[in-house]
């Protein structure tokens, strides 16, 4: 079995899990608060492991990939409960960025 899945499959797997194990989705405001919390946990690891803050002993065993997956999970929950097709949204966003920023980054002297 391959570990690769599409965004659409991920949205379906989260929905199936919620309906099987989670009883129901938390409401959108609760999930937004949870998303904020999860992003904060991810930010803490990044700031201490890759930034200038010193890493506390209690942070050294934190799993970066797991924290990223937590963020993705809650984002998918919010997309599912608000009717957002993340595949379509991603493609639209990529097209928007391509059209808007086609030359912007390449001509930015700060990035050279």
PDB file of N, CA and C in Angstrom:
ATOM      1  N   UNK A   1       0.839  -1.185   0.000  1.00  0.00           N
ATOM      2  CA  UNK A   1       0.000   0.000   0.000  1.00  0.00           C
ATOM      3  C   UNK A   1       0.883   1.248   0.000  1.00  0.00           C
ATOM      4  N   UNK A   2       0.604   2.152  -0.884  1.00  0.00           N
ATOM      5  CA  UNK A   2       1.371   3.387  -0.998  1.00  0.00           C
ATOM      6  C   UNK A   2       0.946   4.380   0.076  1.00  0.00           C
ATOM      7  N   UNK A   3       1.896   5.155   0.565  1.00  0.00           N
ATOM      8  CA  UNK A   3       1.592   6.197   1.546  1.00  0.00           C
ATOM      9  C   UNK A   3       1.094   7.466   0.890  1.00  0.00           C
ATOM     10  N   UNK A   4       1.177   7.533  -0.436  1.00  0.00           N
ATOM     11  CA  UNK A   4       0.767   8.734  -1.132  1.00  0.00           C
ATOM     12  C   UNK A   4      -0.751   8.757  -1.302  1.00  0.00           C
ATOM     13  N   UNK A   5      -1.339   9.900  -0.951  1.00  0.00           N
ATOM     14  CA  UNK A   5      -2.768  10.092  -1.137  1.00  0.00           C
ATOM     15  C   UNK A   5      -2.989  11.488  -1.702  1.00  0.00           C
ATOM     16  N   UNK A   6      -4.106  11.659  -2.336  1.00  0.00           N
ATOM     17  CA  UNK A   6      -4.456  12.979  -2.839  1.00  0.00           C
ATOM     18  C   UNK A   6      -5.059  13.799  -1.702  1.00  0.00           C
ATOM     19  N   UNK A   7      -5.148  15.085  -1.923  1.00  0.00           N
ATOM     20  CA  UNK A   7      -5.797  15.949  -0.935  1.00  0.00           C
ATOM     21  C   UNK A   7      -7.250  15.513  -0.767  1.00  0.00           C
ATOM     22  N   UNK A   8      -7.896  15.187  -1.871  1.00  0.00           N
ATOM     23  CA  UNK A   8      -9.293  14.739  -1.822  1.00  0.00           C
ATOM     24  C   UNK A   8      -9.423  13.467  -0.974  1.00  0.00           C
ATOM     25  N   UNK A   9      -8.496  12.534  -1.144  1.00  0.00           N
ATOM     26  CA  UNK A   9      -8.521  11.309  -0.344  1.00  0.00           C
ATOM     27  C   UNK A   9      -8.292  11.628   1.139  1.00  0.00           C
ATOM     28  N   UNK A  10      -7.400  12.570   1.421  1.00  0.00           N
ATOM     29  CA  UNK A  10      -7.157  12.971   2.810  1.00  0.00           C
ATOM     30  C   UNK A  10      -8.427  13.557   3.410  1.00  0.00           C
ATOM     31  N   UNK A  11      -9.120  14.401   2.646  1.00  0.00           N
ATOM     32  CA  UNK A  11     -10.369  14.973   3.149  1.00  0.00           C
ATOM     33  C   UNK A  11     -11.380  13.867   3.427  1.00  0.00           C
ATOM     34  N   UNK A  12     -11.445  12.869   2.577  1.00  0.00           N
ATOM     35  CA  UNK A  12     -12.390  11.770   2.781  1.00  0.00           C
ATOM     36  C   UNK A  12     -11.988  10.922   3.988  1.00  0.00           C
ATOM     37  N   UNK A  13     -10.687  10.659   4.145  1.00  0.00           N
ATOM     38  CA  UNK A  13     -10.230   9.855   5.278  1.00  0.00           C
ATOM     39  C   UNK A  13     -10.513  10.549   6.607  1.00  0.00           C
ATOM     40  N   UNK A  14     -10.307  11.857   6.659  1.00  0.00           N
ATOM     41  CA  UNK A  14     -10.613  12.600   7.886  1.00  0.00           C
ATOM     42  C   UNK A  14     -12.110  12.529   8.162  1.00  0.00           C
ATOM     43  N   UNK A  15     -12.924  12.727   7.139  1.00  0.00           N
ATOM     44  CA  UNK A  15     -14.373  12.672   7.314  1.00  0.00           C
ATOM     45  C   UNK A  15     -14.810  11.288   7.803  1.00  0.00           C
ATOM     46  N   UNK A  16     -14.259  10.247   7.201  1.00  0.00           N
ATOM     47  CA  UNK A  16     -14.589   8.880   7.627  1.00  0.00           C
ATOM     48  C   UNK A  16     -14.178   8.653   9.082  1.00  0.00           C
ATOM     49  N   UNK A  17     -12.992   9.133   9.458  1.00  0.00           N
ATOM     50  CA  UNK A  17     -12.519   8.953  10.823  1.00  0.00           C
ATOM     51  C   UNK A  17     -13.423   9.670  11.811  1.00  0.00           C
ATOM     52  N   UNK A  18     -13.784  10.914  11.487  1.00  0.00           N
ATOM     53  CA  UNK A  18     -14.662  11.693  12.372  1.00  0.00           C
ATOM     54  C   UNK A  18     -15.983  10.956  12.564  1.00  0.00           C
ATOM     55  N   UNK A  19     -16.556  10.455  11.499  1.00  0.00           N
ATOM     56  CA  UNK A  19     -17.860   9.772  11.576  1.00  0.00           C
ATOM     57  C   UNK A  19     -17.759   8.425  12.287  1.00  0.00           C
ATOM     58  N   UNK A  20     -16.588   7.788  12.242  1.00  0.00           N
ATOM     59  CA  UNK A  20     -16.414   6.473  12.861  1.00  0.00           C
ATOM     60  C   UNK A  20     -15.946   6.571  14.307  1.00  0.00           C
ATOM     61  N   UNK A  21     -14.981   7.450  14.568  1.00  0.00           N
ATOM     62  CA  UNK A  21     -14.346   7.506  15.885  1.00  0.00           C
ATOM     63  C   UNK A  21     -14.623   8.789  16.650  1.00  0.00           C
ATOM     64  N   UNK A  22     -14.970   9.844  15.957  1.00  0.00           N
ATOM     65  CA  UNK A  22     -15.036  11.140  16.594  1.00  0.00           C
ATOM     66  C   UNK A  22     -16.439  11.621  16.926  1.00  0.00           C
ATOM     67  N   UNK A  23     -17.448  10.849  16.654  1.00  0.00           N
ATOM     68  CA  UNK A  23     -18.856  11.174  16.891  1.00  0.00           C
ATOM     69  C   UNK A  23     -19.326  12.249  15.918  1.00  0.00           C
ATOM     70  N   UNK A  24     -18.714  13.433  15.967  1.00  0.00           N
ATOM     71  CA  UNK A  24     -19.050  14.530  15.052  1.00  0.00           C
ATOM     72  C   UNK A  24     -17.889  15.511  15.041  1.00  0.00           C
ATOM     73  N   UNK A  25     -17.927  16.426  14.092  1.00  0.00           N
ATOM     74  CA  UNK A  25     -16.923  17.500  14.063  1.00  0.00           C
ATOM     75  C   UNK A  25     -17.182  18.448  15.231  1.00  0.00           C
ATOM     76  N   UNK A  26     -16.106  19.003  15.814  1.00  0.00           N
ATOM     77  CA  UNK A  26     -16.281  20.138  16.704  1.00  0.00           C
ATOM     78  C   UNK A  26     -16.805  21.279  15.846  1.00  0.00           C
ATOM     79  N   UNK A  27     -17.473  22.246  16.437  1.00  0.00           N
ATOM     80  CA  UNK A  27     -17.972  23.340  15.605  1.00  0.00           C
ATOM     81  C   UNK A  27     -16.799  24.140  15.037  1.00  0.00           C
ATOM     82  N   UNK A  28     -17.093  24.962  14.048  1.00  0.00           N
ATOM     83  CA  UNK A  28     -16.061  25.678  13.310  1.00  0.00           C
ATOM     84  C   UNK A  28     -15.220  26.596  14.207  1.00  0.00           C
ATOM     85  N   UNK A  29     -15.857  27.267  15.157  1.00  0.00           N
ATOM     86  CA  UNK A  29     -15.099  28.149  16.047  1.00  0.00           C
ATOM     87  C   UNK A  29     -14.161  27.357  16.957  1.00  0.00           C
ATOM     88  N   UNK A  30     -14.619  26.221  17.441  1.00  0.00           N
ATOM     89  CA  UNK A  30     -13.760  25.368  18.257  1.00  0.00           C
ATOM     90  C   UNK A  30     -12.582  24.876  17.432  1.00  0.00           C
ATOM     91  N   UNK A  31     -12.860  24.427  16.198  1.00  0.00           N
ATOM     92  CA  UNK A  31     -11.766  23.952  15.349  1.00  0.00           C
ATOM     93  C   UNK A  31     -10.801  25.076  14.984  1.00  0.00           C
ATOM     94  N   UNK A  32     -11.298  26.290  14.839  1.00  0.00           N
ATOM     95  CA  UNK A  32     -10.404  27.413  14.563  1.00  0.00           C
ATOM     96  C   UNK A  32      -9.481  27.653  15.750  1.00  0.00           C
ATOM     97  N   UNK A  33     -10.018  27.552  16.952  1.00  0.00           N
ATOM     98  CA  UNK A  33      -9.193  27.704  18.156  1.00  0.00           C
ATOM     99  C   UNK A  33      -8.173  26.568  18.248  1.00  0.00           C
ATOM    100  N   UNK A  34      -8.591  25.360  17.929  1.00  0.00           N
ATOM    101  CA  UNK A  34      -7.677  24.211  17.954  1.00  0.00           C
ATOM    102  C   UNK A  34      -6.584  24.395  16.908  1.00  0.00           C
ATOM    103  N   UNK A  35      -6.953  24.882  15.716  1.00  0.00           N
ATOM    104  CA  UNK A  35      -5.963  25.129  14.668  1.00  0.00           C
ATOM    105  C   UNK A  35      -4.917  26.138  15.153  1.00  0.00           C
ATOM    106  N   UNK A  36      -5.371  27.188  15.793  1.00  0.00           N
ATOM    107  CA  UNK A  36      -4.468  28.202  16.325  1.00  0.00           C
ATOM    108  C   UNK A  36      -3.517  27.584  17.353  1.00  0.00           C
ATOM    109  N   UNK A  37      -4.058  26.740  18.210  1.00  0.00           N
ATOM    110  CA  UNK A  37      -3.239  26.055  19.214  1.00  0.00           C
ATOM    111  C   UNK A  37      -2.190  25.167  18.545  1.00  0.00           C
ATOM    112  N   UNK A  38      -2.610  24.406  17.542  1.00  0.00           N
ATOM    113  CA  UNK A  38      -1.683  23.496  16.849  1.00  0.00           C
ATOM    114  C   UNK A  38      -0.593  24.270  16.109  1.00  0.00           C
ATOM    115  N   UNK A  39      -0.955  25.385  15.481  1.00  0.00           N
ATOM    116  CA  UNK A  39       0.041  26.218  14.802  1.00  0.00           C
ATOM    117  C   UNK A  39       1.028  26.771  15.830  1.00  0.00           C
ATOM    118  N   UNK A  40       0.531  27.121  17.004  1.00  0.00           N
ATOM    119  CA  UNK A  40       1.409  27.592  18.068  1.00  0.00           C
ATOM    120  C   UNK A  40       2.403  26.531  18.503  1.00  0.00           C
ATOM    121  N   UNK A  41       1.953  25.290  18.610  1.00  0.00           N
ATOM    122  CA  UNK A  41       2.854  24.195  18.983  1.00  0.00           C
ATOM    123  C   UNK A  41       3.919  23.989  17.911  1.00  0.00           C
ATOM    124  N   UNK A  42       3.517  24.084  16.653  1.00  0.00           N
ATOM    125  CA  UNK A  42       4.463  23.972  15.549  1.00  0.00           C
ATOM    126  C   UNK A  42       5.456  25.136  15.579  1.00  0.00           C
ATOM    127  N   UNK A  43       4.951  26.332  15.811  1.00  0.00           N
ATOM    128  CA  UNK A  43       5.809  27.518  15.859  1.00  0.00           C
ATOM    129  C   UNK A  43       6.836  27.403  16.979  1.00  0.00           C
ATOM    130  N   UNK A  44       6.429  26.855  18.096  1.00  0.00           N
ATOM    131  CA  UNK A  44       7.348  26.693  19.227  1.00  0.00           C
ATOM    132  C   UNK A  44       8.534  25.809  18.840  1.00  0.00           C
ATOM    133  N   UNK A  45       8.247  24.691  18.175  1.00  0.00           N
ATOM    134  CA  UNK A  45       9.322  23.788  17.747  1.00  0.00           C
ATOM    135  C   UNK A  45      10.241  24.486  16.750  1.00  0.00           C
ATOM    136  N   UNK A  46       9.666  25.137  15.753  1.00  0.00           N
ATOM    137  CA  UNK A  46      10.454  25.817  14.719  1.00  0.00           C
ATOM    138  C   UNK A  46      11.324  26.916  15.345  1.00  0.00           C
ATOM    139  N   UNK A  47      10.720  27.720  16.219  1.00  0.00           N
ATOM    140  CA  UNK A  47      11.453  28.833  16.834  1.00  0.00           C
ATOM    141  C   UNK A  47      12.628  28.342  17.666  1.00  0.00           C
ATOM    142  N   UNK A  48      12.441  27.222  18.343  1.00  0.00           N
ATOM    143  CA  UNK A  48      13.492  26.735  19.240  1.00  0.00           C
ATOM    144  C   UNK A  48      14.497  25.840  18.534  1.00  0.00           C
ATOM    145  N   UNK A  49      14.040  25.109  17.552  1.00  0.00           N
ATOM    146  CA  UNK A  49      14.952  24.197  16.870  1.00  0.00           C
ATOM    147  C   UNK A  49      15.719  24.880  15.744  1.00  0.00           C
ATOM    148  N   UNK A  50      15.066  25.792  15.048  1.00  0.00           N
ATOM    149  CA  UNK A  50      15.693  26.425  13.884  1.00  0.00           C
ATOM    150  C   UNK A  50      15.912  27.924  14.062  1.00  0.00           C
ATOM    151  N   UNK A  51      15.271  28.498  15.047  1.00  0.00           N
ATOM    152  CA  UNK A  51      15.406  29.927  15.298  1.00  0.00           C
ATOM    153  C   UNK A  51      16.443  30.217  16.360  1.00  0.00           C
ATOM    154  N   UNK A  52      16.333  31.380  16.925  1.00  0.00           N
ATOM    155  CA  UNK A  52      17.340  31.848  17.869  1.00  0.00           C
ATOM    156  C   UNK A  52      17.034  31.505  19.317  1.00  0.00           C
ATOM    157  N   UNK A  53      15.821  31.028  19.593  1.00  0.00           N
ATOM    158  CA  UNK A  53      15.511  30.632  20.970  1.00  0.00           C
ATOM    159  C   UNK A  53      16.223  29.338  21.307  1.00  0.00           C
ATOM    160  N   UNK A  54      16.598  29.192  22.560  1.00  0.00           N
ATOM    161  CA  UNK A  54      17.201  27.930  22.982  1.00  0.00           C
ATOM    162  C   UNK A  54      16.089  26.896  23.158  1.00  0.00           C
ATOM    163  N   UNK A  55      16.442  25.671  22.845  1.00  0.00           N
ATOM    164  CA  UNK A  55      15.466  24.587  22.934  1.00  0.00           C
ATOM    165  C   UNK A  55      15.476  24.018  24.350  1.00  0.00           C
ATOM    166  N   UNK A  56      14.317  24.018  24.977  1.00  0.00           N
ATOM    167  CA  UNK A  56      14.198  23.446  26.313  1.00  0.00           C
ATOM    168  C   UNK A  56      14.319  21.934  26.222  1.00  0.00           C
ATOM    169  N   UNK A  57      14.758  21.329  27.281  1.00  0.00           N
ATOM    170  CA  UNK A  57      14.893  19.872  27.314  1.00  0.00           C
ATOM    171  C   UNK A  57      13.554  19.198  26.987  1.00  0.00           C
ATOM    172  N   UNK A  58      12.465  19.777  27.496  1.00  0.00           N
ATOM    173  CA  UNK A  58      11.138  19.195  27.271  1.00  0.00           C
ATOM    174  C   UNK A  58      10.685  19.311  25.816  1.00  0.00           C
ATOM    175  N   UNK A  59      11.331  20.194  25.034  1.00  0.00           N
ATOM    176  CA  UNK A  59      10.956  20.365  23.626  1.00  0.00           C
ATOM    177  C   UNK A  59      11.756  19.460  22.691  1.00  0.00           C
ATOM    178  N   UNK A  60      12.849  18.906  23.164  1.00  0.00           N
ATOM    179  CA  UNK A  60      13.759  18.163  22.292  1.00  0.00           C
ATOM    180  C   UNK A  60      13.148  16.890  21.718  1.00  0.00           C
ATOM    181  N   UNK A  61      12.161  16.344  22.388  1.00  0.00           N
ATOM    182  CA  UNK A  61      11.532  15.121  21.899  1.00  0.00           C
ATOM    183  C   UNK A  61      10.258  15.392  21.099  1.00  0.00           C
ATOM    184  N   UNK A  62       9.926  16.661  20.899  1.00  0.00           N
ATOM    185  CA  UNK A  62       8.726  17.004  20.124  1.00  0.00           C
ATOM    186  C   UNK A  62       8.958  16.633  18.672  1.00  0.00           C
ATOM    187  N   UNK A  63       7.935  16.075  18.055  1.00  0.00           N
ATOM    188  CA  UNK A  63       8.038  15.573  16.684  1.00  0.00           C
ATOM    189  C   UNK A  63       7.500  16.623  15.716  1.00  0.00           C
ATOM    190  N   UNK A  64       8.383  17.221  14.929  1.00  0.00           N
ATOM    191  CA  UNK A  64       8.016  18.263  13.981  1.00  0.00           C
ATOM    192  C   UNK A  64       6.972  17.771  12.981  1.00  0.00           C
ATOM    193  N   UNK A  65       7.187  16.588  12.433  1.00  0.00           N
ATOM    194  CA  UNK A  65       6.248  16.040  11.439  1.00  0.00           C
ATOM    195  C   UNK A  65       4.869  15.825  12.043  1.00  0.00           C
ATOM    196  N   UNK A  66       4.824  15.331  13.266  1.00  0.00           N
ATOM    197  CA  UNK A  66       3.543  15.096  13.932  1.00  0.00           C
ATOM    198  C   UNK A  66       2.799  16.399  14.166  1.00  0.00           C
ATOM    199  N   UNK A  67       3.535  17.441  14.551  1.00  0.00           N
ATOM    200  CA  UNK A  67       2.890  18.745  14.765  1.00  0.00           C
ATOM    201  C   UNK A  67       2.368  19.309  13.449  1.00  0.00           C
ATOM    202  N   UNK A  68       3.108  19.128  12.364  1.00  0.00           N
ATOM    203  CA  UNK A  68       2.620  19.568  11.048  1.00  0.00           C
ATOM    204  C   UNK A  68       1.364  18.794  10.657  1.00  0.00           C
ATOM    205  N   UNK A  69       1.355  17.507  10.946  1.00  0.00           N
ATOM    206  CA  UNK A  69       0.187  16.679  10.634  1.00  0.00           C
ATOM    207  C   UNK A  69      -1.021  17.106  11.464  1.00  0.00           C
ATOM    208  N   UNK A  70      -0.805  17.524  12.712  1.00  0.00           N
ATOM    209  CA  UNK A  70      -1.903  18.031  13.536  1.00  0.00           C
ATOM    210  C   UNK A  70      -2.530  19.270  12.892  1.00  0.00           C
ATOM    211  N   UNK A  71      -1.669  20.178  12.400  1.00  0.00           N
ATOM    212  CA  UNK A  71      -2.165  21.386  11.730  1.00  0.00           C
ATOM    213  C   UNK A  71      -2.973  21.000  10.491  1.00  0.00           C
ATOM    214  N   UNK A  72      -2.426  20.088   9.702  1.00  0.00           N
ATOM    215  CA  UNK A  72      -3.107  19.645   8.483  1.00  0.00           C
ATOM    216  C   UNK A  72      -4.449  19.002   8.803  1.00  0.00           C
ATOM    217  N   UNK A  73      -4.488  18.175   9.838  1.00  0.00           N
ATOM    218  CA  UNK A  73      -5.718  17.489  10.247  1.00  0.00           C
ATOM    219  C   UNK A  73      -6.836  18.493  10.543  1.00  0.00           C
ATOM    220  N   UNK A  74      -6.532  19.477  11.371  1.00  0.00           N
ATOM    221  CA  UNK A  74      -7.566  20.441  11.763  1.00  0.00           C
ATOM    222  C   UNK A  74      -7.956  21.323  10.572  1.00  0.00           C
ATOM    223  N   UNK A  75      -6.993  21.667   9.728  1.00  0.00           N
ATOM    224  CA  UNK A  75      -7.308  22.434   8.522  1.00  0.00           C
ATOM    225  C   UNK A  75      -8.260  21.640   7.625  1.00  0.00           C
ATOM    226  N   UNK A  76      -8.011  20.354   7.486  1.00  0.00           N
ATOM    227  CA  UNK A  76      -8.897  19.498   6.689  1.00  0.00           C
ATOM    228  C   UNK A  76     -10.275  19.424   7.335  1.00  0.00           C
ATOM    229  N   UNK A  77     -10.330  19.322   8.644  1.00  0.00           N
ATOM    230  CA  UNK A  77     -11.629  19.329   9.337  1.00  0.00           C
ATOM    231  C   UNK A  77     -12.409  20.595   8.989  1.00  0.00           C
ATOM    232  N   UNK A  78     -11.752  21.743   9.078  1.00  0.00           N
ATOM    233  CA  UNK A  78     -12.415  23.007   8.767  1.00  0.00           C
ATOM    234  C   UNK A  78     -12.870  23.053   7.307  1.00  0.00           C
ATOM    235  N   UNK A  79     -12.045  22.550   6.409  1.00  0.00           N
ATOM    236  CA  UNK A  79     -12.431  22.521   4.991  1.00  0.00           C
ATOM    237  C   UNK A  79     -13.658  21.629   4.804  1.00  0.00           C
ATOM    238  N   UNK A  80     -13.645  20.466   5.409  1.00  0.00           N
ATOM    239  CA  UNK A  80     -14.773  19.545   5.272  1.00  0.00           C
ATOM    240  C   UNK A  80     -16.067  20.160   5.783  1.00  0.00           C
ATOM    241  N   UNK A  81     -16.004  20.777   6.939  1.00  0.00           N
ATOM    242  CA  UNK A  81     -17.245  21.266   7.529  1.00  0.00           C
ATOM    243  C   UNK A  81     -17.730  22.577   6.915  1.00  0.00           C
ATOM    244  N   UNK A  82     -16.881  23.241   6.143  1.00  0.00           N
ATOM    245  CA  UNK A  82     -17.315  24.468   5.473  1.00  0.00           C
ATOM    246  C   UNK A  82     -17.501  24.267   3.970  1.00  0.00           C
ATOM    247  N   UNK A  83     -17.338  23.027   3.508  1.00  0.00           N
ATOM    248  CA  UNK A  83     -17.588  22.715   2.102  1.00  0.00           C
ATOM    249  C   UNK A  83     -16.494  23.153   1.147  1.00  0.00           C
ATOM    250  N   UNK A  84     -15.267  23.295   1.646  1.00  0.00           N
ATOM    251  CA  UNK A  84     -14.154  23.708   0.793  1.00  0.00           C
ATOM    252  C   UNK A  84     -13.473  22.475   0.204  1.00  0.00           C
ATOM    253  N   UNK A  85     -13.366  22.454  -1.109  1.00  0.00           N
ATOM    254  CA  UNK A  85     -12.604  21.425  -1.825  1.00  0.00           C
ATOM    255  C   UNK A  85     -11.161  21.913  -1.851  1.00  0.00           C
ATOM    256  N   UNK A  86     -10.320  21.334  -1.002  1.00  0.00           N
ATOM    257  CA  UNK A  86      -8.943  21.818  -0.875  1.00  0.00           C
ATOM    258  C   UNK A  86      -8.123  21.602  -2.146  1.00  0.00           C
ATOM    259  N   UNK A  87      -8.436  20.579  -2.921  1.00  0.00           N
ATOM    260  CA  UNK A  87      -7.723  20.371  -4.186  1.00  0.00           C
ATOM    261  C   UNK A  87      -7.976  21.544  -5.117  1.00  0.00           C
ATOM    262  N   UNK A  88      -9.234  21.889  -5.280  1.00  0.00           N
ATOM    263  CA  UNK A  88      -9.601  23.016  -6.143  1.00  0.00           C
ATOM    264  C   UNK A  88      -9.032  24.321  -5.581  1.00  0.00           C
ATOM    265  N   UNK A  89      -9.139  24.503  -4.269  1.00  0.00           N
ATOM    266  CA  UNK A  89      -8.633  25.714  -3.637  1.00  0.00           C
ATOM    267  C   UNK A  89      -7.127  25.833  -3.830  1.00  0.00           C
ATOM    268  N   UNK A  90      -6.402  24.726  -3.715  1.00  0.00           N
ATOM    269  CA  UNK A  90      -4.953  24.748  -3.891  1.00  0.00           C
ATOM    270  C   UNK A  90      -4.596  25.132  -5.318  1.00  0.00           C
ATOM    271  N   UNK A  91      -5.261  24.504  -6.286  1.00  0.00           N
ATOM    272  CA  UNK A  91      -4.978  24.823  -7.695  1.00  0.00           C
ATOM    273  C   UNK A  91      -5.283  26.287  -8.000  1.00  0.00           C
ATOM    274  N   UNK A  92      -6.407  26.776  -7.501  1.00  0.00           N
ATOM    275  CA  UNK A  92      -6.763  28.185  -7.709  1.00  0.00           C
ATOM    276  C   UNK A  92      -5.742  29.113  -7.068  1.00  0.00           C
ATOM    277  N   UNK A  93      -5.274  28.751  -5.874  1.00  0.00           N
ATOM    278  CA  UNK A  93      -4.304  29.571  -5.165  1.00  0.00           C
ATOM    279  C   UNK A  93      -2.956  29.585  -5.892  1.00  0.00           C
ATOM    280  N   UNK A  94      -2.552  28.425  -6.394  1.00  0.00           N
ATOM    281  CA  UNK A  94      -1.297  28.338  -7.140  1.00  0.00           C
ATOM    282  C   UNK A  94      -1.365  29.192  -8.404  1.00  0.00           C
ATOM    283  N   UNK A  95      -2.495  29.136  -9.094  1.00  0.00           N
ATOM    284  CA  UNK A  95      -2.680  29.956 -10.293  1.00  0.00           C
ATOM    285  C   UNK A  95      -2.638  31.444  -9.947  1.00  0.00           C
ATOM    286  N   UNK A  96      -3.298  31.821  -8.859  1.00  0.00           N
ATOM    287  CA  UNK A  96      -3.292  33.214  -8.406  1.00  0.00           C
ATOM    288  C   UNK A  96      -1.873  33.683  -8.123  1.00  0.00           C
ATOM    289  N   UNK A  97      -1.114  32.872  -7.381  1.00  0.00           N
ATOM    290  CA  UNK A  97       0.258  33.240  -7.040  1.00  0.00           C
ATOM    291  C   UNK A  97       1.131  33.318  -8.296  1.00  0.00           C
ATOM    292  N   UNK A  98       0.939  32.403  -9.217  1.00  0.00           N
ATOM    293  CA  UNK A  98       1.717  32.395 -10.456  1.00  0.00           C
ATOM    294  C   UNK A  98       1.454  33.665 -11.255  1.00  0.00           C
ATOM    295  N   UNK A  99       0.198  34.031 -11.388  1.00  0.00           N
ATOM    296  CA  UNK A  99      -0.151  35.241 -12.147  1.00  0.00           C
ATOM    297  C   UNK A  99       0.322  36.502 -11.439  1.00  0.00           C
ATOM    298  N   UNK A 100       0.149  36.556 -10.150  1.00  0.00           N
ATOM    299  CA  UNK A 100       0.470  37.757  -9.385  1.00  0.00           C
ATOM    300  C   UNK A 100       1.971  37.921  -9.174  1.00  0.00           C
ATOM    301  N   UNK A 101       2.665  36.821  -8.917  1.00  0.00           N
ATOM    302  CA  UNK A 101       4.056  36.892  -8.482  1.00  0.00           C
ATOM    303  C   UNK A 101       5.043  36.345  -9.511  1.00  0.00           C
ATOM    304  N   UNK A 102       4.619  36.264 -10.767  1.00  0.00           N
ATOM    305  CA  UNK A 102       5.439  35.638 -11.802  1.00  0.00           C
ATOM    306  C   UNK A 102       6.861  36.187 -11.842  1.00  0.00           C
ATOM    307  N   UNK A 103       7.018  37.498 -11.747  1.00  0.00           N
ATOM    308  CA  UNK A 103       8.343  38.116 -11.808  1.00  0.00           C
ATOM    309  C   UNK A 103       8.779  38.704 -10.469  1.00  0.00           C
ATOM    310  N   UNK A 104       7.843  38.865  -9.555  1.00  0.00           N
ATOM    311  CA  UNK A 104       8.105  39.584  -8.320  1.00  0.00           C
ATOM    312  C   UNK A 104       9.279  39.006  -7.517  1.00  0.00           C
ATOM    313  N   UNK A 105       9.290  37.723  -7.299  1.00  0.00           N
ATOM    314  CA  UNK A 105      10.336  37.117  -6.466  1.00  0.00           C
ATOM    315  C   UNK A 105      11.672  37.061  -7.189  1.00  0.00           C
ATOM    316  N   UNK A 106      11.636  36.808  -8.494  1.00  0.00           N
ATOM    317  CA  UNK A 106      12.877  36.746  -9.257  1.00  0.00           C
ATOM    318  C   UNK A 106      13.554  38.103  -9.362  1.00  0.00           C
ATOM    319  N   UNK A 107      12.775  39.156  -9.286  1.00  0.00           N
ATOM    320  CA  UNK A 107      13.374  40.483  -9.389  1.00  0.00           C
ATOM    321  C   UNK A 107      13.613  41.131  -8.018  1.00  0.00           C
ATOM    322  N   UNK A 108      13.411  40.365  -6.958  1.00  0.00           N
ATOM    323  CA  UNK A 108      13.619  40.879  -5.602  1.00  0.00           C
ATOM    324  C   UNK A 108      15.095  40.743  -5.234  1.00  0.00           C
ATOM    325  N   UNK A 109      15.824  41.863  -5.102  1.00  0.00           N
ATOM    326  CA  UNK A 109      17.248  41.779  -4.780  1.00  0.00           C
ATOM    327  C   UNK A 109      17.512  41.157  -3.398  1.00  0.00           C
ATOM    328  N   UNK A 110      16.541  41.170  -2.522  1.00  0.00           N
ATOM    329  CA  UNK A 110      16.716  40.568  -1.191  1.00  0.00           C
ATOM    330  C   UNK A 110      16.829  39.054  -1.268  1.00  0.00           C
ATOM    331  N   UNK A 111      16.346  38.468  -2.354  1.00  0.00           N
ATOM    332  CA  UNK A 111      16.358  37.014  -2.474  1.00  0.00           C
ATOM    333  C   UNK A 111      17.549  36.511  -3.285  1.00  0.00           C
ATOM    334  N   UNK A 112      18.374  37.401  -3.763  1.00  0.00           N
ATOM    335  CA  UNK A 112      19.525  37.007  -4.596  1.00  0.00           C
ATOM    336  C   UNK A 112      20.708  36.644  -3.735  1.00  0.00           C
TER     337      UNK A 112
END
